[in-house]
Amino acid sequence: MKATIWHNPACGTSRKTLAILEETPGVEVEIVPYLKTPYTAEKLRQLFKDAGLTAREALRLRGTDAEERGLAEAGEEEIIAAMAINPGYVNRPFVETEKGVRFCRPQDLVREIL
């Protein structure tokens, strides 16, 4: 099974999720360092839809200026546009497999799609 993780190595939850993926037999892991390889708006829409989240629910406020920029109250498309420009606004990690997409906070949620 292939699993794609949108990963930030500075994030403890992202590292723990990656460790679960790497330790699971039969899982081929693709790591997307999203801070270096940003999301497209289309990919964000797909991930959020498949994970059952809104862009607002996936918006990272802590450690960003998203709140000061008014993104916490912005519409979905405005948030997605900002995330596509500044991937640091996307909370992490997201993992996608053939079984679905999960926003893996806590990291054990990844097991639901393995």
PDB file of N, CA and C in Angstrom:
ATOM      1  N   MET A   1       0.849  -1.179   0.000  1.00  0.00           N
ATOM      2  CA  MET A   1       0.000   0.000   0.000  1.00  0.00           C
ATOM      3  C   MET A   1       0.891   1.237   0.000  1.00  0.00           C
ATOM      4  N   LYS A   2       0.495   2.217  -0.797  1.00  0.00           N
ATOM      5  CA  LYS A   2       1.207   3.489  -0.834  1.00  0.00           C
ATOM      6  C   LYS A   2       0.550   4.465   0.141  1.00  0.00           C
ATOM      7  N   ALA A   3       1.363   5.188   0.887  1.00  0.00           N
ATOM      8  CA  ALA A   3       0.891   6.222   1.800  1.00  0.00           C
ATOM      9  C   ALA A   3       1.695   7.487   1.535  1.00  0.00           C
ATOM     10  N   THR A   4       0.991   8.578   1.321  1.00  0.00           N
ATOM     11  CA  THR A   4       1.637   9.868   1.121  1.00  0.00           C
ATOM     12  C   THR A   4       1.410  10.710   2.359  1.00  0.00           C
ATOM     13  N   ILE A   5       2.496  11.232   2.902  1.00  0.00           N
ATOM     14  CA  ILE A   5       2.406  12.115   4.064  1.00  0.00           C
ATOM     15  C   ILE A   5       2.940  13.484   3.665  1.00  0.00           C
ATOM     16  N   TRP A   6       2.159  14.509   3.983  1.00  0.00           N
ATOM     17  CA  TRP A   6       2.602  15.887   3.822  1.00  0.00           C
ATOM     18  C   TRP A   6       3.270  16.230   5.147  1.00  0.00           C
ATOM     19  N   HIS A   7       4.583  16.288   5.120  1.00  0.00           N
ATOM     20  CA  HIS A   7       5.408  16.206   6.318  1.00  0.00           C
ATOM     21  C   HIS A   7       6.188  17.486   6.583  1.00  0.00           C
ATOM     22  N   ASN A   8       6.277  17.815   7.884  1.00  0.00           N
ATOM     23  CA  ASN A   8       7.148  18.881   8.363  1.00  0.00           C
ATOM     24  C   ASN A   8       8.043  18.249   9.420  1.00  0.00           C
ATOM     25  N   PRO A   9       9.330  18.064   9.133  1.00  0.00           N
ATOM     26  CA  PRO A   9      10.212  17.398  10.091  1.00  0.00           C
ATOM     27  C   PRO A   9      10.382  18.140  11.412  1.00  0.00           C
ATOM     28  N   ALA A  10      10.009  19.410  11.472  1.00  0.00           N
ATOM     29  CA  ALA A  10      10.093  20.172  12.723  1.00  0.00           C
ATOM     30  C   ALA A  10       8.914  19.894  13.647  1.00  0.00           C
ATOM     31  N   CYS A  11       7.897  19.181  13.156  1.00  0.00           N
ATOM     32  CA  CYS A  11       6.675  18.909  13.919  1.00  0.00           C
ATOM     33  C   CYS A  11       6.740  17.518  14.545  1.00  0.00           C
ATOM     34  N   GLY A  12       6.602  17.460  15.854  1.00  0.00           N
ATOM     35  CA  GLY A  12       6.643  16.180  16.560  1.00  0.00           C
ATOM     36  C   GLY A  12       5.547  15.228  16.132  1.00  0.00           C
ATOM     37  N   THR A  13       4.334  15.725  15.943  1.00  0.00           N
ATOM     38  CA  THR A  13       3.224  14.863  15.523  1.00  0.00           C
ATOM     39  C   THR A  13       3.480  14.325  14.121  1.00  0.00           C
ATOM     40  N   SER A  14       4.030  15.141  13.256  1.00  0.00           N
ATOM     41  CA  SER A  14       4.353  14.704  11.906  1.00  0.00           C
ATOM     42  C   SER A  14       5.442  13.618  11.947  1.00  0.00           C
ATOM     43  N   ARG A  15       6.454  13.811  12.769  1.00  0.00           N
ATOM     44  CA  ARG A  15       7.513  12.793  12.897  1.00  0.00           C
ATOM     45  C   ARG A  15       6.957  11.482  13.447  1.00  0.00           C
ATOM     46  N   LYS A  16       6.073  11.561  14.436  1.00  0.00           N
ATOM     47  CA  LYS A  16       5.485  10.348  15.013  1.00  0.00           C
ATOM     48  C   LYS A  16       4.596   9.634  14.003  1.00  0.00           C
ATOM     49  N   THR A  17       3.851  10.385  13.208  1.00  0.00           N
ATOM     50  CA  THR A  17       3.006   9.792  12.177  1.00  0.00           C
ATOM     51  C   THR A  17       3.870   9.106  11.125  1.00  0.00           C
ATOM     52  N   LEU A  18       4.935   9.756  10.713  1.00  0.00           N
ATOM     53  CA  LEU A  18       5.857   9.163   9.744  1.00  0.00           C
ATOM     54  C   LEU A  18       6.452   7.878  10.297  1.00  0.00           C
ATOM     55  N   ALA A  19       6.806   7.857  11.566  1.00  0.00           N
ATOM     56  CA  ALA A  19       7.368   6.650  12.182  1.00  0.00           C
ATOM     57  C   ALA A  19       6.368   5.497  12.123  1.00  0.00           C
ATOM     58  N   ILE A  20       5.101   5.765  12.392  1.00  0.00           N
ATOM     59  CA  ILE A  20       4.072   4.715  12.301  1.00  0.00           C
ATOM     60  C   ILE A  20       4.020   4.176  10.883  1.00  0.00           C
ATOM     61  N   LEU A  21       4.032   5.071   9.904  1.00  0.00           N
ATOM     62  CA  LEU A  21       3.989   4.633   8.506  1.00  0.00           C
ATOM     63  C   LEU A  21       5.199   3.777   8.162  1.00  0.00           C
ATOM     64  N   GLU A  22       6.377   4.217   8.565  1.00  0.00           N
ATOM     65  CA  GLU A  22       7.600   3.494   8.222  1.00  0.00           C
ATOM     66  C   GLU A  22       7.704   2.152   8.936  1.00  0.00           C
ATOM     67  N   GLU A  23       7.070   2.025  10.097  1.00  0.00           N
ATOM     68  CA  GLU A  23       7.127   0.785  10.869  1.00  0.00           C
ATOM     69  C   GLU A  23       6.041  -0.211  10.473  1.00  0.00           C
ATOM     70  N   THR A  24       5.100   0.209   9.639  1.00  0.00           N
ATOM     71  CA  THR A  24       3.994  -0.667   9.256  1.00  0.00           C
ATOM     72  C   THR A  24       4.400  -1.501   8.035  1.00  0.00           C
ATOM     73  N   PRO A  25       4.407  -2.821   8.185  1.00  0.00           N
ATOM     74  CA  PRO A  25       4.794  -3.682   7.064  1.00  0.00           C
ATOM     75  C   PRO A  25       3.888  -3.471   5.846  1.00  0.00           C
ATOM     76  N   GLY A  26       4.498  -3.480   4.675  1.00  0.00           N
ATOM     77  CA  GLY A  26       3.741  -3.377   3.437  1.00  0.00           C
ATOM     78  C   GLY A  26       3.364  -1.963   3.030  1.00  0.00           C
ATOM     79  N   VAL A  27       3.812  -0.963   3.776  1.00  0.00           N
ATOM     80  CA  VAL A  27       3.483   0.422   3.443  1.00  0.00           C
ATOM     81  C   VAL A  27       4.684   1.071   2.753  1.00  0.00           C
ATOM     82  N   GLU A  28       4.439   1.570   1.548  1.00  0.00           N
ATOM     83  CA  GLU A  28       5.448   2.327   0.797  1.00  0.00           C
ATOM     84  C   GLU A  28       5.145   3.805   1.034  1.00  0.00           C
ATOM     85  N   VAL A  29       6.070   4.503   1.677  1.00  0.00           N
ATOM     86  CA  VAL A  29       5.825   5.880   2.101  1.00  0.00           C
ATOM     87  C   VAL A  29       6.407   6.880   1.093  1.00  0.00           C
ATOM     88  N   GLU A  30       5.556   7.801   0.684  1.00  0.00           N
ATOM     89  CA  GLU A  30       6.005   8.954  -0.095  1.00  0.00           C
ATOM     90  C   GLU A  30       5.929  10.153   0.832  1.00  0.00           C
ATOM     91  N   ILE A  31       7.045  10.839   0.990  1.00  0.00           N
ATOM     92  CA  ILE A  31       7.117  12.003   1.873  1.00  0.00           C
ATOM     93  C   ILE A  31       7.115  13.262   1.015  1.00  0.00           C
ATOM     94  N   VAL A  32       6.147  14.124   1.270  1.00  0.00           N
ATOM     95  CA  VAL A  32       6.087  15.412   0.584  1.00  0.00           C
ATOM     96  C   VAL A  32       6.457  16.484   1.600  1.00  0.00           C
ATOM     97  N   PRO A  33       7.640  17.072   1.471  1.00  0.00           N
ATOM     98  CA  PRO A  33       8.030  18.146   2.380  1.00  0.00           C
ATOM     99  C   PRO A  33       7.305  19.433   1.969  1.00  0.00           C
ATOM    100  N   TYR A  34       6.091  19.590   2.460  1.00  0.00           N
ATOM    101  CA  TYR A  34       5.184  20.604   1.916  1.00  0.00           C
ATOM    102  C   TYR A  34       5.666  22.045   2.095  1.00  0.00           C
ATOM    103  N   LEU A  35       6.583  22.279   3.009  1.00  0.00           N
ATOM    104  CA  LEU A  35       7.108  23.644   3.139  1.00  0.00           C
ATOM    105  C   LEU A  35       8.037  23.982   1.963  1.00  0.00           C
ATOM    106  N   LYS A  36       8.642  22.934   1.364  1.00  0.00           N
ATOM    107  CA  LYS A  36       9.507  23.118   0.193  1.00  0.00           C
ATOM    108  C   LYS A  36       8.761  22.871  -1.111  1.00  0.00           C
ATOM    109  N   THR A  37       7.766  21.996  -1.053  1.00  0.00           N
ATOM    110  CA  THR A  37       6.933  21.658  -2.212  1.00  0.00           C
ATOM    111  C   THR A  37       5.491  21.971  -1.831  1.00  0.00           C
ATOM    112  N   PRO A  38       5.082  23.228  -1.971  1.00  0.00           N
ATOM    113  CA  PRO A  38       3.759  23.638  -1.485  1.00  0.00           C
ATOM    114  C   PRO A  38       2.594  22.908  -2.157  1.00  0.00           C
ATOM    115  N   TYR A  39       1.506  22.876  -1.444  1.00  0.00           N
ATOM    116  CA  TYR A  39       0.253  22.335  -1.962  1.00  0.00           C
ATOM    117  C   TYR A  39      -0.256  23.219  -3.097  1.00  0.00           C
ATOM    118  N   THR A  40      -1.043  22.620  -3.982  1.00  0.00           N
ATOM    119  CA  THR A  40      -1.840  23.422  -4.906  1.00  0.00           C
ATOM    120  C   THR A  40      -3.195  23.632  -4.244  1.00  0.00           C
ATOM    121  N   ALA A  41      -3.908  24.644  -4.666  1.00  0.00           N
ATOM    122  CA  ALA A  41      -5.247  24.881  -4.127  1.00  0.00           C
ATOM    123  C   ALA A  41      -6.137  23.676  -4.408  1.00  0.00           C
ATOM    124  N   GLU A  42      -5.989  23.089  -5.585  1.00  0.00           N
ATOM    125  CA  GLU A  42      -6.793  21.914  -5.950  1.00  0.00           C
ATOM    126  C   GLU A  42      -6.512  20.741  -5.009  1.00  0.00           C
ATOM    127  N   LYS A  43      -5.248  20.495  -4.689  1.00  0.00           N
ATOM    128  CA  LYS A  43      -4.891  19.394  -3.787  1.00  0.00           C
ATOM    129  C   LYS A  43      -5.435  19.661  -2.388  1.00  0.00           C
ATOM    130  N   LEU A  44      -5.357  20.892  -1.932  1.00  0.00           N
ATOM    131  CA  LEU A  44      -5.913  21.221  -0.617  1.00  0.00           C
ATOM    132  C   LEU A  44      -7.401  20.942  -0.572  1.00  0.00           C
ATOM    133  N   ARG A  45      -8.129  21.381  -1.601  1.00  0.00           N
ATOM    134  CA  ARG A  45      -9.579  21.120  -1.639  1.00  0.00           C
ATOM    135  C   ARG A  45      -9.862  19.622  -1.558  1.00  0.00           C
ATOM    136  N   GLN A  46      -9.105  18.841  -2.312  1.00  0.00           N
ATOM    137  CA  GLN A  46      -9.307  17.385  -2.327  1.00  0.00           C
ATOM    138  C   GLN A  46      -8.991  16.760  -0.967  1.00  0.00           C
ATOM    139  N   LEU A  47      -7.869  17.145  -0.358  1.00  0.00           N
ATOM    140  CA  LEU A  47      -7.503  16.601   0.950  1.00  0.00           C
ATOM    141  C   LEU A  47      -8.556  16.937   2.001  1.00  0.00           C
ATOM    142  N   PHE A  48      -8.985  18.186   2.022  1.00  0.00           N
ATOM    143  CA  PHE A  48      -9.981  18.593   3.018  1.00  0.00           C
ATOM    144  C   PHE A  48     -11.294  17.851   2.814  1.00  0.00           C
ATOM    145  N   LYS A  49     -11.728  17.751   1.566  1.00  0.00           N
ATOM    146  CA  LYS A  49     -12.986  17.043   1.268  1.00  0.00           C
ATOM    147  C   LYS A  49     -12.886  15.586   1.713  1.00  0.00           C
ATOM    148  N   ASP A  50     -11.783  14.919   1.329  1.00  0.00           N
ATOM    149  CA  ASP A  50     -11.623  13.502   1.646  1.00  0.00           C
ATOM    150  C   ASP A  50     -11.419  13.250   3.135  1.00  0.00           C
ATOM    151  N   ALA A  51     -10.877  14.228   3.845  1.00  0.00           N
ATOM    152  CA  ALA A  51     -10.681  14.091   5.292  1.00  0.00           C
ATOM    153  C   ALA A  51     -11.918  14.537   6.074  1.00  0.00           C
ATOM    154  N   GLY A  52     -12.894  15.136   5.370  1.00  0.00           N
ATOM    155  CA  GLY A  52     -14.106  15.597   6.040  1.00  0.00           C
ATOM    156  C   GLY A  52     -13.881  16.854   6.863  1.00  0.00           C
ATOM    157  N   LEU A  53     -12.971  17.715   6.401  1.00  0.00           N
ATOM    158  CA  LEU A  53     -12.650  18.949   7.121  1.00  0.00           C
ATOM    159  C   LEU A  53     -12.928  20.165   6.255  1.00  0.00           C
ATOM    160  N   THR A  54     -13.081  21.279   6.907  1.00  0.00           N
ATOM    161  CA  THR A  54     -13.114  22.546   6.193  1.00  0.00           C
ATOM    162  C   THR A  54     -11.697  23.115   6.207  1.00  0.00           C
ATOM    163  N   ALA A  55     -11.451  24.071   5.342  1.00  0.00           N
ATOM    164  CA  ALA A  55     -10.148  24.738   5.350  1.00  0.00           C
ATOM    165  C   ALA A  55      -9.917  25.412   6.699  1.00  0.00           C
ATOM    166  N   ARG A  56     -10.949  25.984   7.260  1.00  0.00           N
ATOM    167  CA  ARG A  56     -10.820  26.648   8.571  1.00  0.00           C
ATOM    168  C   ARG A  56     -10.387  25.647   9.643  1.00  0.00           C
ATOM    169  N   GLU A  57     -10.925  24.436   9.593  1.00  0.00           N
ATOM    170  CA  GLU A  57     -10.550  23.419  10.577  1.00  0.00           C
ATOM    171  C   GLU A  57      -9.096  22.974  10.411  1.00  0.00           C
ATOM    172  N   ALA A  58      -8.556  23.112   9.217  1.00  0.00           N
ATOM    173  CA  ALA A  58      -7.171  22.716   8.946  1.00  0.00           C
ATOM    174  C   ALA A  58      -6.199  23.892   9.039  1.00  0.00           C
ATOM    175  N   LEU A  59      -6.694  25.059   9.353  1.00  0.00           N
ATOM    176  CA  LEU A  59      -5.872  26.262   9.415  1.00  0.00           C
ATOM    177  C   LEU A  59      -5.019  26.260  10.675  1.00  0.00           C
ATOM    178  N   ARG A  60      -3.736  26.446  10.488  1.00  0.00           N
ATOM    179  CA  ARG A  60      -2.816  26.526  11.626  1.00  0.00           C
ATOM    180  C   ARG A  60      -2.711  27.971  12.079  1.00  0.00           C
ATOM    181  N   LEU A  61      -3.117  28.223  13.295  1.00  0.00           N
ATOM    182  CA  LEU A  61      -3.037  29.565  13.863  1.00  0.00           C
ATOM    183  C   LEU A  61      -1.773  29.732  14.694  1.00  0.00           C
ATOM    184  N   ARG A  62      -1.452  28.705  15.468  1.00  0.00           N
ATOM    185  CA  ARG A  62      -0.293  28.774  16.360  1.00  0.00           C
ATOM    186  C   ARG A  62       1.003  28.877  15.539  1.00  0.00           C
ATOM    187  N   GLY A  63       1.815  29.850  15.875  1.00  0.00           N
ATOM    188  CA  GLY A  63       3.099  30.001  15.206  1.00  0.00           C
ATOM    189  C   GLY A  63       3.022  30.647  13.833  1.00  0.00           C
ATOM    190  N   THR A  64       1.850  31.189  13.481  1.00  0.00           N
ATOM    191  CA  THR A  64       1.693  31.863  12.194  1.00  0.00           C
ATOM    192  C   THR A  64       1.036  33.225  12.419  1.00  0.00           C
ATOM    193  N   ASP A  65       0.964  33.985  11.356  1.00  0.00           N
ATOM    194  CA  ASP A  65       0.258  35.259  11.425  1.00  0.00           C
ATOM    195  C   ASP A  65      -1.146  35.155  10.826  1.00  0.00           C
ATOM    196  N   ALA A  66      -1.661  33.941  10.714  1.00  0.00           N
ATOM    197  CA  ALA A  66      -2.967  33.719  10.082  1.00  0.00           C
ATOM    198  C   ALA A  66      -4.086  34.477  10.789  1.00  0.00           C
ATOM    199  N   GLU A  67      -4.062  34.479  12.097  1.00  0.00           N
ATOM    200  CA  GLU A  67      -5.114  35.176  12.839  1.00  0.00           C
ATOM    201  C   GLU A  67      -5.032  36.689  12.607  1.00  0.00           C
ATOM    202  N   GLU A  68      -3.831  37.222  12.666  1.00  0.00           N
ATOM    203  CA  GLU A  68      -3.643  38.659  12.442  1.00  0.00           C
ATOM    204  C   GLU A  68      -4.082  39.066  11.040  1.00  0.00           C
ATOM    205  N   ARG A  69      -3.942  38.158  10.090  1.00  0.00           N
ATOM    206  CA  ARG A  69      -4.346  38.435   8.703  1.00  0.00           C
ATOM    207  C   ARG A  69      -5.842  38.240   8.481  1.00  0.00           C
ATOM    208  N   GLY A  70      -6.558  37.831   9.530  1.00  0.00           N
ATOM    209  CA  GLY A  70      -7.999  37.665   9.425  1.00  0.00           C
ATOM    210  C   GLY A  70      -8.442  36.342   8.829  1.00  0.00           C
ATOM    211  N   LEU A  71      -7.531  35.400   8.710  1.00  0.00           N
ATOM    212  CA  LEU A  71      -7.892  34.124   8.083  1.00  0.00           C
ATOM    213  C   LEU A  71      -8.819  33.270   8.943  1.00  0.00           C
ATOM    214  N   ALA A  72      -8.786  33.452  10.248  1.00  0.00           N
ATOM    215  CA  ALA A  72      -9.656  32.666  11.125  1.00  0.00           C
ATOM    216  C   ALA A  72     -11.131  32.950  10.842  1.00  0.00           C
ATOM    217  N   GLU A  73     -11.425  34.112  10.300  1.00  0.00           N
ATOM    218  CA  GLU A  73     -12.809  34.480   9.981  1.00  0.00           C
ATOM    219  C   GLU A  73     -13.066  34.510   8.476  1.00  0.00           C
ATOM    220  N   ALA A  74     -12.069  34.191   7.678  1.00  0.00           N
ATOM    221  CA  ALA A  74     -12.185  34.274   6.219  1.00  0.00           C
ATOM    222  C   ALA A  74     -13.008  33.113   5.660  1.00  0.00           C
ATOM    223  N   GLY A  75     -13.410  33.256   4.412  1.00  0.00           N
ATOM    224  CA  GLY A  75     -14.122  32.192   3.710  1.00  0.00           C
ATOM    225  C   GLY A  75     -13.178  31.094   3.262  1.00  0.00           C
ATOM    226  N   GLU A  76     -13.769  29.963   2.886  1.00  0.00           N
ATOM    227  CA  GLU A  76     -12.989  28.788   2.496  1.00  0.00           C
ATOM    228  C   GLU A  76     -11.987  29.082   1.384  1.00  0.00           C
ATOM    229  N   GLU A  77     -12.441  29.721   0.323  1.00  0.00           N
ATOM    230  CA  GLU A  77     -11.552  29.952  -0.806  1.00  0.00           C
ATOM    231  C   GLU A  77     -10.422  30.915  -0.471  1.00  0.00           C
ATOM    232  N   GLU A  78     -10.695  31.891   0.371  1.00  0.00           N
ATOM    233  CA  GLU A  78      -9.635  32.817   0.796  1.00  0.00           C
ATOM    234  C   GLU A  78      -8.591  32.088   1.636  1.00  0.00           C
ATOM    235  N   ILE A  79      -9.049  31.210   2.506  1.00  0.00           N
ATOM    236  CA  ILE A  79      -8.123  30.429   3.339  1.00  0.00           C
ATOM    237  C   ILE A  79      -7.289  29.511   2.458  1.00  0.00           C
ATOM    238  N   ILE A  80      -7.929  28.809   1.535  1.00  0.00           N
ATOM    239  CA  ILE A  80      -7.203  27.896   0.648  1.00  0.00           C
ATOM    240  C   ILE A  80      -6.175  28.658  -0.196  1.00  0.00           C
ATOM    241  N   ALA A  81      -6.555  29.818  -0.709  1.00  0.00           N
ATOM    242  CA  ALA A  81      -5.614  30.624  -1.496  1.00  0.00           C
ATOM    243  C   ALA A  81      -4.408  31.010  -0.652  1.00  0.00           C
ATOM    244  N   ALA A  82      -4.642  31.407   0.597  1.00  0.00           N
ATOM    245  CA  ALA A  82      -3.537  31.774   1.489  1.00  0.00           C
ATOM    246  C   ALA A  82      -2.660  30.567   1.796  1.00  0.00           C
ATOM    247  N   MET A  83      -3.276  29.399   1.981  1.00  0.00           N
ATOM    248  CA  MET A  83      -2.520  28.179   2.255  1.00  0.00           C
ATOM    249  C   MET A  83      -1.648  27.778   1.068  1.00  0.00           C
ATOM    250  N   ALA A  84      -2.158  27.974  -0.135  1.00  0.00           N
ATOM    251  CA  ALA A  84      -1.393  27.625  -1.333  1.00  0.00           C
ATOM    252  C   ALA A  84      -0.163  28.530  -1.476  1.00  0.00           C
ATOM    253  N   ILE A  85      -0.284  29.760  -1.015  1.00  0.00           N
ATOM    254  CA  ILE A  85       0.845  30.695  -1.067  1.00  0.00           C
ATOM    255  C   ILE A  85       1.794  30.471   0.104  1.00  0.00           C
ATOM    256  N   ASN A  86       1.229  30.217   1.287  1.00  0.00           N
ATOM    257  CA  ASN A  86       2.017  30.023   2.495  1.00  0.00           C
ATOM    258  C   ASN A  86       1.626  28.683   3.133  1.00  0.00           C
ATOM    259  N   PRO A  87       2.328  27.592   2.779  1.00  0.00           N
ATOM    260  CA  PRO A  87       1.946  26.268   3.287  1.00  0.00           C
ATOM    261  C   PRO A  87       2.061  26.127   4.795  1.00  0.00           C
ATOM    262  N   GLY A  88       2.719  27.058   5.459  1.00  0.00           N
ATOM    263  CA  GLY A  88       2.792  27.026   6.917  1.00  0.00           C
ATOM    264  C   GLY A  88       1.446  27.240   7.582  1.00  0.00           C
ATOM    265  N   TYR A  89       0.467  27.718   6.812  1.00  0.00           N
ATOM    266  CA  TYR A  89      -0.883  27.902   7.349  1.00  0.00           C
ATOM    267  C   TYR A  89      -1.662  26.589   7.445  1.00  0.00           C
ATOM    268  N   VAL A  90      -1.137  25.525   6.839  1.00  0.00           N
ATOM    269  CA  VAL A  90      -1.828  24.229   6.870  1.00  0.00           C
ATOM    270  C   VAL A  90      -1.348  23.454   8.087  1.00  0.00           C
ATOM    271  N   ASN A  91      -2.286  23.056   8.924  1.00  0.00           N
ATOM    272  CA  ASN A  91      -1.933  22.228  10.066  1.00  0.00           C
ATOM    273  C   ASN A  91      -1.497  20.866   9.544  1.00  0.00           C
ATOM    274  N   ARG A  92      -0.791  20.112  10.329  1.00  0.00           N
ATOM    275  CA  ARG A  92      -0.225  18.860   9.851  1.00  0.00           C
ATOM    276  C   ARG A  92      -0.247  17.800  10.925  1.00  0.00           C
ATOM    277  N   PRO A  93      -0.040  16.576  10.439  1.00  0.00           N
ATOM    278  CA  PRO A  93       0.187  16.102   9.079  1.00  0.00           C
ATOM    279  C   PRO A  93      -1.080  15.545   8.438  1.00  0.00           C
ATOM    280  N   PHE A  94      -1.121  15.599   7.137  1.00  0.00           N
ATOM    281  CA  PHE A  94      -2.147  14.907   6.362  1.00  0.00           C
ATOM    282  C   PHE A  94      -1.507  13.673   5.756  1.00  0.00           C
ATOM    283  N   VAL A  95      -2.260  12.572   5.747  1.00  0.00           N
ATOM    284  CA  VAL A  95      -1.803  11.328   5.126  1.00  0.00           C
ATOM    285  C   VAL A  95      -2.911  10.829   4.222  1.00  0.00           C
ATOM    286  N   GLU A  96      -2.513  10.367   3.033  1.00  0.00           N
ATOM    287  CA  GLU A  96      -3.460   9.835   2.057  1.00  0.00           C
ATOM    288  C   GLU A  96      -3.031   8.427   1.651  1.00  0.00           C
ATOM    289  N   THR A  97      -3.979   7.499   1.689  1.00  0.00           N
ATOM    290  CA  THR A  97      -3.771   6.142   1.170  1.00  0.00           C
ATOM    291  C   THR A  97      -4.980   5.802   0.307  1.00  0.00           C
ATOM    292  N   GLU A  98      -4.978   4.607  -0.247  1.00  0.00           N
ATOM    293  CA  GLU A  98      -6.123   4.168  -1.045  1.00  0.00           C
ATOM    294  C   GLU A  98      -7.393   4.049  -0.193  1.00  0.00           C
ATOM    295  N   LYS A  99      -7.240   4.033   1.118  1.00  0.00           N
ATOM    296  CA  LYS A  99      -8.388   3.921   2.025  1.00  0.00           C
ATOM    297  C   LYS A  99      -8.933   5.271   2.484  1.00  0.00           C
ATOM    298  N   GLY A 100      -8.259   6.365   2.099  1.00  0.00           N
ATOM    299  CA  GLY A 100      -8.766   7.670   2.463  1.00  0.00           C
ATOM    300  C   GLY A 100      -7.689   8.637   2.898  1.00  0.00           C
ATOM    301  N   VAL A 101      -8.136   9.748   3.481  1.00  0.00           N
ATOM    302  CA  VAL A 101      -7.255  10.813   3.955  1.00  0.00           C
ATOM    303  C   VAL A 101      -7.573  11.069   5.418  1.00  0.00           C
ATOM    304  N   ARG A 102      -6.535  11.271   6.193  1.00  0.00           N
ATOM    305  CA  ARG A 102      -6.712  11.646   7.592  1.00  0.00           C
ATOM    306  C   ARG A 102      -5.803  12.820   7.930  1.00  0.00           C
ATOM    307  N   PHE A 103      -6.352  13.711   8.731  1.00  0.00           N
ATOM    308  CA  PHE A 103      -5.571  14.748   9.397  1.00  0.00           C
ATOM    309  C   PHE A 103      -5.137  14.072  10.690  1.00  0.00           C
ATOM    310  N   CYS A 104      -3.876  13.746  10.817  1.00  0.00           N
ATOM    311  CA  CYS A 104      -3.390  12.841  11.858  1.00  0.00           C
ATOM    312  C   CYS A 104      -2.971  13.549  13.132  1.00  0.00           C
ATOM    313  N   ARG A 105      -3.935  14.181  13.760  1.00  0.00           N
ATOM    314  CA  ARG A 105      -3.760  14.758  15.090  1.00  0.00           C
ATOM    315  C   ARG A 105      -4.853  14.162  15.953  1.00  0.00           C
ATOM    316  N   PRO A 106      -4.583  13.206  16.795  1.00  0.00           N
ATOM    317  CA  PRO A 106      -3.279  12.640  17.120  1.00  0.00           C
ATOM    318  C   PRO A 106      -2.783  11.677  16.026  1.00  0.00           C
ATOM    319  N   GLN A 107      -1.527  11.339  16.120  1.00  0.00           N
ATOM    320  CA  GLN A 107      -0.875  10.537  15.086  1.00  0.00           C
ATOM    321  C   GLN A 107      -1.496   9.157  14.901  1.00  0.00           C
ATOM    322  N   ASP A 108      -2.114   8.602  15.913  1.00  0.00           N
ATOM    323  CA  ASP A 108      -2.700   7.261  15.780  1.00  0.00           C
ATOM    324  C   ASP A 108      -3.869   7.205  14.805  1.00  0.00           C
ATOM    325  N   LEU A 109      -4.420   8.350  14.430  1.00  0.00           N
ATOM    326  CA  LEU A 109      -5.507   8.369  13.435  1.00  0.00           C
ATOM    327  C   LEU A 109      -5.046   7.789  12.099  1.00  0.00           C
ATOM    328  N   VAL A 110      -3.749   7.803  11.848  1.00  0.00           N
ATOM    329  CA  VAL A 110      -3.248   7.262  10.584  1.00  0.00           C
ATOM    330  C   VAL A 110      -3.578   5.771  10.459  1.00  0.00           C
ATOM    331  N   ARG A 111      -3.691   5.078  11.561  1.00  0.00           N
ATOM    332  CA  ARG A 111      -3.978   3.624  11.520  1.00  0.00           C
ATOM    333  C   ARG A 111      -5.347   3.331  10.878  1.00  0.00           C
ATOM    334  N   GLU A 112      -6.260   4.301  10.911  1.00  0.00           N
ATOM    335  CA  GLU A 112      -7.590   4.116  10.315  1.00  0.00           C
ATOM    336  C   GLU A 112      -7.538   3.908   8.808  1.00  0.00           C
ATOM    337  N   ILE A 113      -6.465   4.364   8.168  1.00  0.00           N
ATOM    338  CA  ILE A 113      -6.379   4.272   6.712  1.00  0.00           C
ATOM    339  C   ILE A 113      -5.244   3.352   6.256  1.00  0.00           C
ATOM    340  N   LEU A 114      -4.739   2.534   7.161  1.00  0.00           N
ATOM    341  CA  LEU A 114      -3.691   1.576   6.801  1.00  0.00           C
ATOM    342  C   LEU A 114      -4.269   0.181   6.649  1.00  0.00           C
TER     343      LEU A 114
END
